[in-house]
Structure formats: structure tokens, C-alpha cells
Amino acid sequence: FRYVDRVRSRGIDIPIVPGIVPVQNFK
């Protein structure tokens, strides 16, 4: 969310989709 705030403050309005990684193997 802090990153999205910085992006929006630059006037960039495209979707910023979060990448989610389920942790199959922690190491």
C-alpha cells in the first residue's frame, strides 16, 4: 500500500496488481 501511494503520487494510474506467492517450500 505504501508503494501504491508512491505510484499514485507520481500520477501513474494503471492497475497495480499484487503478486501473491503461496509458500510451497519456505527455504
PDB file of all heavy atoms in Angstrom:
ATOM      1  N   PHE A   1       0.818  -1.215   0.000  1.00  0.00           N
ATOM      2  CA  PHE A   1       0.000   0.000   0.000  1.00  0.00           C
ATOM      3  C   PHE A   1       0.852   1.264   0.000  1.00  0.00           C
ATOM      4  O   PHE A   1       0.497   2.262  -0.642  1.00  0.00           O
ATOM      5  CB  PHE A   1      -0.970  -0.018   1.188  1.00  0.00           C
ATOM      6  CG  PHE A   1      -2.101  -0.991   1.011  1.00  0.00           C
ATOM      7  CD1 PHE A   1      -2.155  -2.152   1.771  1.00  0.00           C
ATOM      8  CD2 PHE A   1      -3.088  -0.766   0.065  1.00  0.00           C
ATOM      9  CE1 PHE A   1      -3.189  -3.060   1.598  1.00  0.00           C
ATOM     10  CE2 PHE A   1      -4.121  -1.682  -0.123  1.00  0.00           C
ATOM     11  CZ  PHE A   1      -4.179  -2.829   0.643  1.00  0.00           C
ATOM     12  N   ARG A   2       1.986   1.240   0.697  1.00  0.00           N
ATOM     13  CA  ARG A   2       2.883   2.394   0.638  1.00  0.00           C
ATOM     14  C   ARG A   2       3.411   2.590  -0.779  1.00  0.00           C
ATOM     15  O   ARG A   2       3.547   3.723  -1.268  1.00  0.00           O
ATOM     16  CB  ARG A   2       4.039   2.228   1.629  1.00  0.00           C
ATOM     17  CG  ARG A   2       3.642   2.421   3.091  1.00  0.00           C
ATOM     18  CD  ARG A   2       4.870   2.613   3.977  1.00  0.00           C
ATOM     19  NE  ARG A   2       5.711   1.423   3.992  1.00  0.00           N
ATOM     20  CZ  ARG A   2       5.599   0.456   4.901  1.00  0.00           C
ATOM     21  NH1 ARG A   2       4.660   0.515   5.843  1.00  0.00           N
ATOM     22  NH2 ARG A   2       6.422  -0.588   4.879  1.00  0.00           N
ATOM     23  N   TYR A   3       3.710   1.472  -1.435  1.00  0.00           N
ATOM     24  CA  TYR A   3       4.191   1.559  -2.818  1.00  0.00           C
ATOM     25  C   TYR A   3       3.113   2.142  -3.724  1.00  0.00           C
ATOM     26  O   TYR A   3       3.405   3.037  -4.543  1.00  0.00           O
ATOM     27  CB  TYR A   3       4.608   0.172  -3.300  1.00  0.00           C
ATOM     28  CG  TYR A   3       5.012   0.138  -4.757  1.00  0.00           C
ATOM     29  CD1 TYR A   3       6.222   0.684  -5.175  1.00  0.00           C
ATOM     30  CD2 TYR A   3       4.183  -0.434  -5.716  1.00  0.00           C
ATOM     31  CE1 TYR A   3       6.596   0.661  -6.512  1.00  0.00           C
ATOM     32  CE2 TYR A   3       4.554  -0.463  -7.052  1.00  0.00           C
ATOM     33  CZ  TYR A   3       5.757   0.090  -7.448  1.00  0.00           C
ATOM     34  OH  TYR A   3       6.107   0.070  -8.775  1.00  0.00           O
ATOM     35  N   VAL A   4       1.892   1.661  -3.607  1.00  0.00           N
ATOM     36  CA  VAL A   4       0.808   2.184  -4.441  1.00  0.00           C
ATOM     37  C   VAL A   4       0.634   3.682  -4.205  1.00  0.00           C
ATOM     38  O   VAL A   4       0.426   4.452  -5.153  1.00  0.00           O
ATOM     39  CB  VAL A   4      -0.508   1.424  -4.168  1.00  0.00           C
ATOM     40  CG1 VAL A   4      -1.683   2.095  -4.882  1.00  0.00           C
ATOM     41  CG2 VAL A   4      -0.389  -0.027  -4.626  1.00  0.00           C
ATOM     42  N   ASP A   5       0.741   4.116  -2.965  1.00  0.00           N
ATOM     43  CA  ASP A   5       0.639   5.555  -2.669  1.00  0.00           C
ATOM     44  C   ASP A   5       1.723   6.329  -3.412  1.00  0.00           C
ATOM     45  O   ASP A   5       1.459   7.420  -3.969  1.00  0.00           O
ATOM     46  CB  ASP A   5       0.767   5.801  -1.163  1.00  0.00           C
ATOM     47  CG  ASP A   5      -0.478   5.400  -0.385  1.00  0.00           C
ATOM     48  OD1 ASP A   5      -1.547   5.222  -1.024  1.00  0.00           O
ATOM     49  OD2 ASP A   5      -0.386   5.269   0.850  1.00  0.00           O
ATOM     50  N   ARG A   6       2.955   5.794  -3.437  1.00  0.00           N
ATOM     51  CA  ARG A   6       4.043   6.488  -4.140  1.00  0.00           C
ATOM     52  C   ARG A   6       3.781   6.521  -5.640  1.00  0.00           C
ATOM     53  O   ARG A   6       4.035   7.532  -6.311  1.00  0.00           O
ATOM     54  CB  ARG A   6       5.387   5.802  -3.857  1.00  0.00           C
ATOM     55  CG  ARG A   6       5.855   5.907  -2.407  1.00  0.00           C
ATOM     56  CD  ARG A   6       7.337   5.613  -2.277  1.00  0.00           C
ATOM     57  NE  ARG A   6       7.709   4.308  -2.799  1.00  0.00           N
ATOM     58  CZ  ARG A   6       7.674   3.175  -2.100  1.00  0.00           C
ATOM     59  NH1 ARG A   6       7.260   3.200  -0.829  1.00  0.00           N
ATOM     60  NH2 ARG A   6       8.048   2.033  -2.630  1.00  0.00           N
ATOM     61  N   VAL A   7       3.270   5.406  -6.167  1.00  0.00           N
ATOM     62  CA  VAL A   7       2.962   5.346  -7.595  1.00  0.00           C
ATOM     63  C   VAL A   7       1.894   6.373  -7.952  1.00  0.00           C
ATOM     64  O   VAL A   7       2.019   7.116  -8.936  1.00  0.00           O
ATOM     65  CB  VAL A   7       2.491   3.920  -7.975  1.00  0.00           C
ATOM     66  CG1 VAL A   7       1.915   3.902  -9.392  1.00  0.00           C
ATOM     67  CG2 VAL A   7       3.650   2.934  -7.878  1.00  0.00           C
ATOM     68  N   ARG A   8       0.823   6.414  -7.165  1.00  0.00           N
ATOM     69  CA  ARG A   8      -0.265   7.353  -7.451  1.00  0.00           C
ATOM     70  C   ARG A   8       0.197   8.807  -7.314  1.00  0.00           C
ATOM     71  O   ARG A   8      -0.270   9.690  -8.048  1.00  0.00           O
ATOM     72  CB  ARG A   8      -1.447   7.093  -6.515  1.00  0.00           C
ATOM     73  CG  ARG A   8      -2.043   5.686  -6.643  1.00  0.00           C
ATOM     74  CD  ARG A   8      -2.610   5.433  -8.028  1.00  0.00           C
ATOM     75  NE  ARG A   8      -3.187   4.086  -8.132  1.00  0.00           N
ATOM     76  CZ  ARG A   8      -2.898   3.217  -9.086  1.00  0.00           C
ATOM     77  NH1 ARG A   8      -2.039   3.534 -10.029  1.00  0.00           N
ATOM     78  NH2 ARG A   8      -3.470   2.026  -9.122  1.00  0.00           N
ATOM     79  N   SER A   9       1.118   9.059  -6.380  1.00  0.00           N
ATOM     80  CA  SER A   9       1.616  10.430  -6.205  1.00  0.00           C
ATOM     81  C   SER A   9       2.385  10.913  -7.430  1.00  0.00           C
ATOM     82  O   SER A   9       2.544  12.127  -7.625  1.00  0.00           O
ATOM     83  CB  SER A   9       2.500  10.528  -4.958  1.00  0.00           C
ATOM     84  OG  SER A   9       3.745   9.869  -5.150  1.00  0.00           O
ATOM     85  N   ARG A  10       2.848   9.965  -8.236  1.00  0.00           N
ATOM     86  CA  ARG A  10       3.536  10.320  -9.487  1.00  0.00           C
ATOM     87  C   ARG A  10       2.560  10.509 -10.644  1.00  0.00           C
ATOM     88  O   ARG A  10       2.973  10.808 -11.767  1.00  0.00           O
ATOM     89  CB  ARG A  10       4.544   9.213  -9.845  1.00  0.00           C
ATOM     90  CG  ARG A  10       5.700   9.076  -8.875  1.00  0.00           C
ATOM     91  CD  ARG A  10       6.728  10.186  -9.084  1.00  0.00           C
ATOM     92  NE  ARG A  10       7.394  10.063 -10.369  1.00  0.00           N
ATOM     93  CZ  ARG A  10       8.597   9.509 -10.555  1.00  0.00           C
ATOM     94  NH1 ARG A  10       9.255   9.035  -9.507  1.00  0.00           N
ATOM     95  NH2 ARG A  10       9.134   9.443 -11.741  1.00  0.00           N
ATOM     96  N   GLY A  11       1.268  10.312 -10.388  1.00  0.00           N
ATOM     97  CA  GLY A  11       0.277  10.454 -11.443  1.00  0.00           C
ATOM     98  C   GLY A  11       0.106   9.211 -12.297  1.00  0.00           C
ATOM     99  O   GLY A  11      -0.546   9.248 -13.338  1.00  0.00           O
ATOM    100  N   ILE A  12       0.667   8.088 -11.857  1.00  0.00           N
ATOM    101  CA  ILE A  12       0.534   6.821 -12.582  1.00  0.00           C
ATOM    102  C   ILE A  12      -0.758   6.154 -12.127  1.00  0.00           C
ATOM    103  O   ILE A  12      -0.932   5.881 -10.943  1.00  0.00           O
ATOM    104  CB  ILE A  12       1.738   5.903 -12.307  1.00  0.00           C
ATOM    105  CG1 ILE A  12       3.039   6.582 -12.748  1.00  0.00           C
ATOM    106  CG2 ILE A  12       1.562   4.554 -13.004  1.00  0.00           C
ATOM    107  CD1 ILE A  12       4.291   5.848 -12.310  1.00  0.00           C
ATOM    108  N   ASP A  13      -1.656   5.892 -13.078  1.00  0.00           N
ATOM    109  CA  ASP A  13      -2.981   5.416 -12.679  1.00  0.00           C
ATOM    110  C   ASP A  13      -3.341   4.025 -13.189  1.00  0.00           C
ATOM    111  O   ASP A  13      -4.482   3.596 -13.058  1.00  0.00           O
ATOM    112  CB  ASP A  13      -4.062   6.412 -13.108  1.00  0.00           C
ATOM    113  CG  ASP A  13      -4.111   6.612 -14.620  1.00  0.00           C
ATOM    114  OD1 ASP A  13      -3.315   5.953 -15.343  1.00  0.00           O
ATOM    115  OD2 ASP A  13      -4.942   7.414 -15.084  1.00  0.00           O
ATOM    116  N   ILE A  14      -2.390   3.282 -13.758  1.00  0.00           N
ATOM    117  CA  ILE A  14      -2.712   1.925 -14.214  1.00  0.00           C
ATOM    118  C   ILE A  14      -2.899   1.023 -13.000  1.00  0.00           C
ATOM    119  O   ILE A  14      -2.402   1.319 -11.914  1.00  0.00           O
ATOM    120  CB  ILE A  14      -1.615   1.354 -15.143  1.00  0.00           C
ATOM    121  CG1 ILE A  14      -0.291   1.184 -14.381  1.00  0.00           C
ATOM    122  CG2 ILE A  14      -1.430   2.220 -16.376  1.00  0.00           C
ATOM    123  CD1 ILE A  14       0.751   0.394 -15.163  1.00  0.00           C
ATOM    124  N   PRO A  15      -3.617  -0.107 -13.155  1.00  0.00           N
ATOM    125  CA  PRO A  15      -3.761  -1.040 -12.037  1.00  0.00           C
ATOM    126  C   PRO A  15      -2.398  -1.569 -11.565  1.00  0.00           C
ATOM    127  O   PRO A  15      -1.532  -1.884 -12.384  1.00  0.00           O
ATOM    128  CB  PRO A  15      -4.606  -2.175 -12.627  1.00  0.00           C
ATOM    129  CG  PRO A  15      -5.323  -1.555 -13.783  1.00  0.00           C
ATOM    130  CD  PRO A  15      -4.381  -0.532 -14.343  1.00  0.00           C
ATOM    131  N   ILE A  16      -2.227  -1.635 -10.263  1.00  0.00           N
ATOM    132  CA  ILE A  16      -1.027  -2.222  -9.657  1.00  0.00           C
ATOM    133  C   ILE A  16      -1.485  -3.503  -8.969  1.00  0.00           C
ATOM    134  O   ILE A  16      -1.992  -3.471  -7.840  1.00  0.00           O
ATOM    135  CB  ILE A  16      -0.356  -1.273  -8.653  1.00  0.00           C
ATOM    136  CG1 ILE A  16      -0.112   0.110  -9.263  1.00  0.00           C
ATOM    137  CG2 ILE A  16       0.941  -1.885  -8.140  1.00  0.00           C
ATOM    138  CD1 ILE A  16       0.867   0.117 -10.429  1.00  0.00           C
ATOM    139  N   VAL A  17      -1.343  -4.627  -9.642  1.00  0.00           N
ATOM    140  CA  VAL A  17      -1.898  -5.899  -9.174  1.00  0.00           C
ATOM    141  C   VAL A  17      -0.896  -6.582  -8.246  1.00  0.00           C
ATOM    142  O   VAL A  17       0.260  -6.799  -8.636  1.00  0.00           O
ATOM    143  CB  VAL A  17      -2.232  -6.818 -10.365  1.00  0.00           C
ATOM    144  CG1 VAL A  17      -2.822  -8.144  -9.872  1.00  0.00           C
ATOM    145  CG2 VAL A  17      -3.201  -6.120 -11.321  1.00  0.00           C
ATOM    146  N   PRO A  18      -1.300  -6.919  -7.037  1.00  0.00           N
ATOM    147  CA  PRO A  18      -0.365  -7.596  -6.127  1.00  0.00           C
ATOM    148  C   PRO A  18      -0.055  -9.019  -6.577  1.00  0.00           C
ATOM    149  O   PRO A  18      -0.955  -9.793  -6.906  1.00  0.00           O
ATOM    150  CB  PRO A  18      -1.107  -7.599  -4.786  1.00  0.00           C
ATOM    151  CG  PRO A  18      -2.554  -7.509  -5.139  1.00  0.00           C
ATOM    152  CD  PRO A  18      -2.616  -6.692  -6.405  1.00  0.00           C
ATOM    153  N   GLY A  19       1.226  -9.356  -6.596  1.00  0.00           N
ATOM    154  CA  GLY A  19       1.653 -10.722  -6.891  1.00  0.00           C
ATOM    155  C   GLY A  19       1.721 -11.518  -5.603  1.00  0.00           C
ATOM    156  O   GLY A  19       2.377 -11.103  -4.644  1.00  0.00           O
ATOM    157  N   ILE A  20       1.029 -12.653  -5.575  1.00  0.00           N
ATOM    158  CA  ILE A  20       0.928 -13.468  -4.367  1.00  0.00           C
ATOM    159  C   ILE A  20       1.633 -14.803  -4.598  1.00  0.00           C
ATOM    160  O   ILE A  20       1.348 -15.491  -5.585  1.00  0.00           O
ATOM    161  CB  ILE A  20      -0.544 -13.736  -3.998  1.00  0.00           C
ATOM    162  CG1 ILE A  20      -1.326 -12.420  -3.888  1.00  0.00           C
ATOM    163  CG2 ILE A  20      -0.635 -14.547  -2.710  1.00  0.00           C
ATOM    164  CD1 ILE A  20      -0.854 -11.492  -2.801  1.00  0.00           C
ATOM    165  N   VAL A  21       2.524 -15.179  -3.696  1.00  0.00           N
ATOM    166  CA  VAL A  21       3.192 -16.470  -3.814  1.00  0.00           C
ATOM    167  C   VAL A  21       2.828 -17.338  -2.612  1.00  0.00           C
ATOM    168  O   VAL A  21       3.228 -17.045  -1.488  1.00  0.00           O
ATOM    169  CB  VAL A  21       4.729 -16.324  -3.950  1.00  0.00           C
ATOM    170  CG1 VAL A  21       5.344 -15.598  -2.775  1.00  0.00           C
ATOM    171  CG2 VAL A  21       5.387 -17.683  -4.163  1.00  0.00           C
ATOM    172  N   PRO A  22       2.030 -18.387  -2.822  1.00  0.00           N
ATOM    173  CA  PRO A  22       1.822 -19.358  -1.738  1.00  0.00           C
ATOM    174  C   PRO A  22       3.147 -20.073  -1.469  1.00  0.00           C
ATOM    175  O   PRO A  22       3.814 -20.520  -2.397  1.00  0.00           O
ATOM    176  CB  PRO A  22       0.777 -20.319  -2.321  1.00  0.00           C
ATOM    177  CG  PRO A  22       0.135 -19.561  -3.446  1.00  0.00           C
ATOM    178  CD  PRO A  22       1.228 -18.709  -4.007  1.00  0.00           C
ATOM    179  N   VAL A  23       3.522 -20.182  -0.204  1.00  0.00           N
ATOM    180  CA  VAL A  23       4.848 -20.692   0.137  1.00  0.00           C
ATOM    181  C   VAL A  23       4.834 -22.224   0.106  1.00  0.00           C
ATOM    182  O   VAL A  23       4.540 -22.875   1.101  1.00  0.00           O
ATOM    183  CB  VAL A  23       5.304 -20.173   1.518  1.00  0.00           C
ATOM    184  CG1 VAL A  23       6.706 -20.678   1.828  1.00  0.00           C
ATOM    185  CG2 VAL A  23       5.261 -18.653   1.541  1.00  0.00           C
ATOM    186  N   GLN A  24       5.138 -22.783  -1.064  1.00  0.00           N
ATOM    187  CA  GLN A  24       5.190 -24.233  -1.191  1.00  0.00           C
ATOM    188  C   GLN A  24       6.355 -24.807  -0.391  1.00  0.00           C
ATOM    189  O   GLN A  24       6.244 -25.855   0.228  1.00  0.00           O
ATOM    190  CB  GLN A  24       5.351 -24.615  -2.675  1.00  0.00           C
ATOM    191  CG  GLN A  24       4.348 -23.985  -3.621  1.00  0.00           C
ATOM    192  CD  GLN A  24       3.074 -24.791  -3.735  1.00  0.00           C
ATOM    193  OE1 GLN A  24       2.931 -25.832  -3.104  1.00  0.00           O
ATOM    194  NE2 GLN A  24       2.134 -24.324  -4.526  1.00  0.00           N
ATOM    195  N   ASN A  25       7.493 -24.110  -0.432  1.00  0.00           N
ATOM    196  CA  ASN A  25       8.704 -24.556   0.263  1.00  0.00           C
ATOM    197  C   ASN A  25       9.375 -23.317   0.847  1.00  0.00           C
ATOM    198  O   ASN A  25       9.886 -22.470   0.110  1.00  0.00           O
ATOM    199  CB  ASN A  25       9.636 -25.271  -0.710  1.00  0.00           C
ATOM    200  CG  ASN A  25      10.887 -25.814  -0.047  1.00  0.00           C
ATOM    201  OD1 ASN A  25      11.627 -25.084   0.604  1.00  0.00           O
ATOM    202  ND2 ASN A  25      11.137 -27.111  -0.219  1.00  0.00           N
ATOM    203  N   PHE A  26       9.352 -23.194   2.170  1.00  0.00           N
ATOM    204  CA  PHE A  26       9.820 -21.959   2.794  1.00  0.00           C
ATOM    205  C   PHE A  26      11.278 -21.667   2.472  1.00  0.00           C
ATOM    206  O   PHE A  26      11.641 -20.522   2.162  1.00  0.00           O
ATOM    207  CB  PHE A  26       9.618 -22.009   4.313  1.00  0.00           C
ATOM    208  CG  PHE A  26      10.156 -20.785   5.004  1.00  0.00           C
ATOM    209  CD1 PHE A  26       9.485 -19.577   4.909  1.00  0.00           C
ATOM    210  CD2 PHE A  26      11.344 -20.837   5.718  1.00  0.00           C
ATOM    211  CE1 PHE A  26       9.997 -18.434   5.522  1.00  0.00           C
ATOM    212  CE2 PHE A  26      11.854 -19.704   6.328  1.00  0.00           C
ATOM    213  CZ  PHE A  26      11.178 -18.510   6.229  1.00  0.00           C
ATOM    214  N   LYS A  27      12.150 -22.663   2.549  1.00  0.00           N
ATOM    215  CA  LYS A  27      13.570 -22.418   2.294  1.00  0.00           C
ATOM    216  C   LYS A  27      13.812 -21.917   0.873  1.00  0.00           C
ATOM    217  O   LYS A  27      14.609 -20.994   0.653  1.00  0.00           O
ATOM    218  CB  LYS A  27      14.377 -23.692   2.555  1.00  0.00           C
ATOM    219  CG  LYS A  27      14.535 -24.026   4.033  1.00  0.00           C
ATOM    220  CD  LYS A  27      15.474 -25.206   4.244  1.00  0.00           C
ATOM    221  CE  LYS A  27      15.711 -25.457   5.732  1.00  0.00           C
ATOM    222  NZ  LYS A  27      16.616 -26.618   5.953  1.00  0.00           N
TER     223      LYS A  27
END
